[in-house]
Protein backbone atom coordinates (compact mmCIF):
# COMPACT_ATOMS: atom_id res chain seq x y z
CA UNK A 1 -24.21 -33.27 -88.13
CA UNK A 2 -22.88 -33.69 -91.54
CA UNK A 3 -21.43 -30.61 -92.54
CA UNK A 4 -19.95 -30.11 -88.74
CA UNK A 5 -18.35 -33.48 -89.61
CA UNK A 6 -17.06 -32.95 -92.94
CA UNK A 7 -15.35 -29.57 -90.76
CA UNK A 8 -13.90 -30.54 -88.63
CA UNK A 9 -12.34 -33.48 -91.02
CA UNK A 10 -11.10 -30.43 -93.40
CA UNK A 11 -10.24 -28.35 -90.07
CA UNK A 12 -8.15 -31.37 -89.13
CA UNK A 13 -5.85 -31.62 -92.24
CA UNK A 14 -5.54 -27.78 -92.33
CA UNK A 15 -4.11 -28.27 -88.84
CA UNK A 16 -2.30 -30.97 -89.57
CA UNK A 17 -0.66 -29.56 -92.86
CA UNK A 18 -0.80 -26.02 -91.87
CA UNK A 19 2.81 -24.91 -92.82
CA UNK A 20 2.57 -27.01 -96.12
CA UNK A 21 -0.87 -25.15 -97.14
CA UNK A 22 0.23 -21.96 -96.02
CA UNK A 23 3.42 -21.87 -98.51
CA UNK A 24 1.40 -23.73 -101.42
CA UNK A 25 -0.98 -20.91 -100.75
CA UNK A 26 1.34 -17.81 -101.12
CA UNK A 27 3.89 -19.07 -103.59
CA UNK A 28 2.49 -18.48 -106.94
CA UNK A 29 0.53 -15.36 -105.89
CA UNK A 30 3.87 -13.92 -104.64
CA UNK A 31 5.63 -14.61 -107.81
CA UNK A 32 2.82 -12.76 -110.08
CA UNK A 33 2.67 -9.73 -107.15
CA UNK A 34 6.67 -10.03 -108.00
CA UNK A 35 6.73 -10.32 -111.74
CA UNK A 36 4.19 -8.58 -113.10
CA UNK A 37 3.05 -5.54 -110.55
CA UNK A 38 6.96 -4.77 -109.17
CA UNK A 39 8.80 -6.37 -112.10
CA UNK A 40 7.20 -4.27 -114.44
CA UNK A 41 6.03 -1.36 -114.20
CA UNK A 42 3.30 0.45 -115.93
CA UNK A 43 -0.48 1.49 -115.47
CA UNK A 44 -4.14 0.16 -116.47
CA UNK A 45 -7.28 2.75 -116.50
CA UNK A 46 -4.58 5.35 -115.40
CA UNK A 47 -3.75 3.63 -111.89
CA UNK A 48 -0.95 1.84 -110.92
CA UNK A 49 -0.39 -1.70 -112.45
CA UNK A 50 -0.57 -2.89 -109.08
CA UNK A 51 -3.78 -1.67 -107.92
CA UNK A 52 -5.03 -3.30 -110.87
CA UNK A 53 -3.40 -6.73 -109.90
CA UNK A 54 -3.62 -7.30 -106.49
CA UNK A 55 -7.46 -7.88 -106.50
CA UNK A 56 -7.25 -9.98 -109.35
CA UNK A 57 -4.70 -12.14 -107.37
CA UNK A 58 -6.69 -12.36 -104.35
CA UNK A 59 -9.50 -13.70 -106.63
CA UNK A 60 -7.32 -16.05 -108.24
CA UNK A 61 -6.14 -17.18 -104.85
CA UNK A 62 -9.20 -18.27 -103.55
CA UNK A 63 -10.07 -19.66 -106.84
CA UNK A 64 -7.09 -22.21 -106.66
CA UNK A 65 -7.12 -22.44 -103.01
CA UNK A 66 -11.03 -23.73 -102.83
CA UNK A 67 -10.27 -25.84 -106.19
CA UNK A 68 -7.40 -27.95 -104.69
CA UNK A 69 -8.64 -28.48 -101.74
CA UNK A 70 -11.46 -30.42 -102.84
CA UNK A 71 -10.34 -31.73 -105.79
CA UNK A 72 -7.70 -33.43 -104.98
CA UNK A 73 -8.60 -34.93 -101.06
CA UNK A 74 -12.05 -36.14 -102.42
CA UNK A 75 -10.14 -38.07 -105.79
CA UNK A 76 -8.05 -39.87 -103.58
CA UNK A 77 -11.38 -40.69 -100.86
CA UNK A 78 -13.33 -41.71 -104.13
CA UNK A 79 -10.79 -43.42 -106.19
CA UNK A 80 -8.38 -45.42 -103.43
CA UNK A 81 -9.92 -44.82 -99.87
CA UNK A 82 -12.65 -45.68 -100.98
CA UNK A 83 -14.63 -43.14 -98.20
CA UNK A 84 -17.25 -41.99 -100.68
CA UNK A 85 -19.02 -45.77 -100.63
CA UNK A 86 -18.59 -45.89 -96.61
CA UNK A 87 -20.69 -42.21 -96.94
CA UNK A 88 -22.95 -43.27 -99.12
CA UNK A 89 -23.97 -46.61 -96.61
CA UNK A 90 -23.02 -44.17 -93.37
CA UNK A 91 -26.78 -42.14 -92.14
CA UNK A 92 -25.29 -38.73 -93.40
CA UNK A 93 -27.63 -37.23 -95.15
CA UNK A 94 -25.41 -36.83 -98.74
CA UNK A 95 -26.41 -33.15 -99.15
CA UNK A 96 -24.66 -32.49 -95.91
CA UNK A 97 -21.51 -34.11 -97.38
CA UNK A 98 -21.51 -32.89 -100.14
CA UNK A 99 -22.25 -29.13 -98.58
CA UNK A 100 -19.50 -29.35 -95.82
CA UNK A 101 -17.06 -30.42 -98.55
CA UNK A 102 -17.91 -27.02 -100.42
CA UNK A 103 -17.94 -25.30 -97.54
CA UNK A 104 -14.81 -26.05 -96.31
CA UNK A 105 -13.22 -25.95 -99.76
CA UNK A 106 -14.52 -22.11 -99.90
CA UNK A 107 -13.17 -21.34 -96.02
CA UNK A 108 -9.19 -22.99 -97.66
CA UNK A 109 -9.89 -20.78 -100.27
CA UNK A 110 -10.63 -17.42 -98.27
CA UNK A 111 -7.64 -18.32 -96.17
CA UNK A 112 -5.53 -18.67 -99.16
CA UNK A 113 -7.03 -14.66 -100.11
CA UNK A 114 -6.54 -13.25 -97.10
CA UNK A 115 -2.92 -14.54 -96.70
CA UNK A 116 -2.54 -12.33 -99.89
CA UNK A 117 -4.25 -9.55 -98.31
CA UNK A 118 -2.06 -9.01 -95.18
CA UNK A 119 1.42 -9.54 -97.78
CA UNK A 120 -0.01 -6.38 -99.56
CA UNK A 121 -1.07 -4.95 -97.16
CA UNK A 122 2.05 -2.55 -96.36
CA UNK A 123 2.30 -1.76 -99.58
CA UNK A 124 0.29 2.18 -99.91
CA UNK A 125 -1.96 1.37 -102.70
CA UNK A 126 -4.93 3.17 -100.57
CA UNK A 127 -7.54 -0.03 -102.00
CA UNK A 128 -10.09 -0.93 -99.42
CA UNK A 129 -11.96 -4.02 -98.35
CA UNK A 130 -15.11 -4.79 -96.66
CA UNK A 131 -17.46 -7.25 -95.61
CA UNK A 132 -19.07 -7.67 -99.18
CA UNK A 133 -15.26 -8.13 -100.45
CA UNK A 134 -14.83 -11.28 -98.20
CA UNK A 135 -18.56 -12.21 -99.13
CA UNK A 136 -17.46 -11.70 -102.65
CA UNK A 137 -14.13 -14.21 -101.69
CA UNK A 138 -16.57 -17.01 -100.02
CA UNK A 139 -19.26 -16.81 -102.81
CA UNK A 140 -15.91 -17.30 -104.93
CA UNK A 141 -14.78 -20.35 -102.95
CA UNK A 142 -18.23 -22.49 -103.00
CA UNK A 143 -18.48 -21.73 -106.90
CA UNK A 144 -15.04 -23.73 -107.43
CA UNK A 145 -15.26 -26.35 -104.52
CA UNK A 146 -18.28 -27.50 -106.60
CA UNK A 147 -16.48 -27.42 -109.91
CA UNK A 148 -13.78 -29.91 -108.29
CA UNK A 149 -16.13 -31.77 -106.29
CA UNK A 150 -17.93 -32.48 -109.86
CA UNK A 151 -14.64 -32.74 -111.77
CA UNK A 152 -13.45 -35.04 -108.95
CA UNK A 153 -16.56 -37.36 -109.04
CA UNK A 154 -15.88 -37.56 -113.07
CA UNK A 155 -12.20 -38.28 -112.55
CA UNK A 156 -10.87 -42.26 -113.50
CA UNK A 157 -7.91 -41.58 -112.10
CA UNK A 158 -5.42 -39.76 -109.49
CA UNK A 159 -3.46 -37.82 -112.57
CA UNK A 160 -7.01 -36.57 -114.08
CA UNK A 161 -7.21 -34.10 -110.75
CA UNK A 162 -3.42 -32.17 -112.29
CA UNK A 163 -5.05 -32.46 -115.70
CA UNK A 164 -8.42 -30.62 -114.54
CA UNK A 165 -6.22 -27.56 -113.22
CA UNK A 166 -4.46 -27.70 -116.35
CA UNK A 167 -7.39 -27.76 -118.74
CA UNK A 168 -10.02 -25.46 -116.44
CA UNK A 169 -8.02 -23.16 -113.80
CA UNK A 170 -4.45 -21.83 -115.47
CA UNK A 171 -6.58 -21.09 -118.04
CA UNK A 172 -9.04 -19.00 -116.08
CA UNK A 173 -5.97 -17.96 -114.18
CA UNK A 174 -4.83 -16.04 -116.52
CA UNK A 175 -7.78 -14.89 -118.55
CA UNK A 176 -10.52 -14.29 -116.42
CA UNK A 177 -9.87 -9.99 -115.34
CA UNK A 178 -6.52 -11.29 -113.41
CA UNK A 179 -3.70 -9.75 -114.95
CA UNK A 180 -5.19 -7.67 -118.00
CA UNK A 181 -8.47 -6.48 -118.21
CA UNK A 182 -11.46 -8.21 -120.49
CA UNK A 183 -12.26 -4.86 -122.53
CA UNK A 184 -8.77 -5.65 -124.24
CA UNK A 185 -10.31 -8.99 -125.96
CA UNK A 186 -11.32 -9.67 -129.04
CA UNK A 187 -15.30 -9.14 -129.66
CA UNK A 188 -17.37 -12.36 -129.10
CA UNK A 189 -14.18 -13.58 -127.02
CA UNK A 190 -14.40 -11.00 -124.41
CA UNK A 191 -18.00 -11.66 -123.41
CA UNK A 192 -16.97 -15.38 -123.15
CA UNK A 193 -14.79 -15.04 -120.33
CA UNK A 194 -16.68 -12.28 -118.48
CA UNK A 195 -18.98 -14.52 -117.70
CA UNK A 196 -17.01 -17.11 -116.21
CA UNK A 197 -17.10 -16.70 -112.53
CA UNK A 198 -13.56 -15.58 -112.32
CA UNK A 199 -13.71 -12.63 -114.08
CA UNK A 200 -17.11 -11.98 -112.03
CA UNK A 201 -15.55 -11.93 -108.76
CA UNK A 202 -11.98 -10.12 -109.80
CA UNK A 203 -14.76 -7.56 -111.36
CA UNK A 204 -16.66 -7.02 -108.26
CA UNK A 205 -13.29 -7.30 -105.92
CA UNK A 206 -11.74 -4.43 -107.56
CA UNK A 207 -14.66 -2.22 -107.88
CA UNK A 208 -15.00 -2.56 -104.00
CA UNK A 209 -11.65 -2.13 -103.41
CA UNK A 210 -11.47 1.03 -105.10
CA UNK A 211 -14.49 2.12 -103.52
CA UNK A 212 -17.47 1.67 -106.16
CA UNK A 213 -20.61 -0.22 -105.92
CA UNK A 214 -20.02 -4.06 -106.48
CA UNK A 215 -23.63 -4.39 -108.09
CA UNK A 216 -25.72 -7.42 -107.93
CA UNK A 217 -24.92 -8.82 -111.69
CA UNK A 218 -21.75 -10.46 -110.31
CA UNK A 219 -23.42 -12.64 -107.55
CA UNK A 220 -26.22 -13.14 -110.04
CA UNK A 221 -23.46 -15.01 -112.24
CA UNK A 222 -22.08 -16.63 -109.42
CA UNK A 223 -25.08 -18.28 -107.89
CA UNK A 224 -26.48 -19.42 -111.37
CA UNK A 225 -22.72 -21.48 -111.33
CA UNK A 226 -22.99 -22.54 -107.86
CA UNK A 227 -26.41 -23.96 -107.53
CA UNK A 228 -25.83 -25.79 -111.71
CA UNK A 229 -23.20 -27.66 -110.70
CA UNK A 230 -24.28 -28.11 -106.98
CA UNK A 231 -27.38 -29.73 -108.81
CA UNK A 232 -25.27 -31.82 -110.67
CA UNK A 233 -23.02 -32.99 -107.95
CA UNK A 234 -26.23 -34.00 -105.95
CA UNK A 235 -27.47 -35.92 -109.28
CA UNK A 236 -24.23 -37.76 -109.75
CA UNK A 237 -23.77 -38.42 -106.01
CA UNK A 238 -27.30 -39.87 -105.05
CA UNK A 239 -27.47 -41.71 -108.73
CA UNK A 240 -24.41 -43.28 -107.54
CA UNK A 241 -26.42 -44.54 -104.52
CA UNK A 242 -29.36 -45.41 -106.03
CA UNK A 243 -27.60 -48.26 -107.96
């Protein structure tokens, strides 16, 4: 019931701010598609650049949508509304609260990614997406929802949330296999970037879109990130409860 309660809260928030959320979810990705995909006519790996770009933008949209949905709301709830303190003393199991936040954030990220797929559908790229594509999007969203949850627990003020976006989300948006392949990066730096969650998500969605197998390595990497940050979030919230 705790998970459903959190998801219902996310649904009420989404329904209330539907137009704002939708517009915010598509503005940046559409601008990237127009400027990089249509404005810069080039090729990548022997294919039109737009074919390379769209899967990367879809993965990026799931990242930003999931991260933003959790980081800002949780920072406000914890620092100003003191909602986290109320959760602590309620009979709701804390792990259900965390899981509900992560799933709710991931669903918001998937919504952002699906919007990009719908907007680019009229473009005849020949790219295809299946259930595994959406699984990657969902798992990617869960990873960044969990990261956002941890960072919102560490935030000292509401202004920290935008800073985390600048420190973490913005660099990954441009470096992690979205606008150009990590194969072009210097040795060493390339390996570090390729192990980041967004790099793996972009690679898997792009492979599936081109009719290739996504493989299992990316799922392993994303699962590791999810478990590590999930445990950190659990340790934080249970430690705070026992103070």
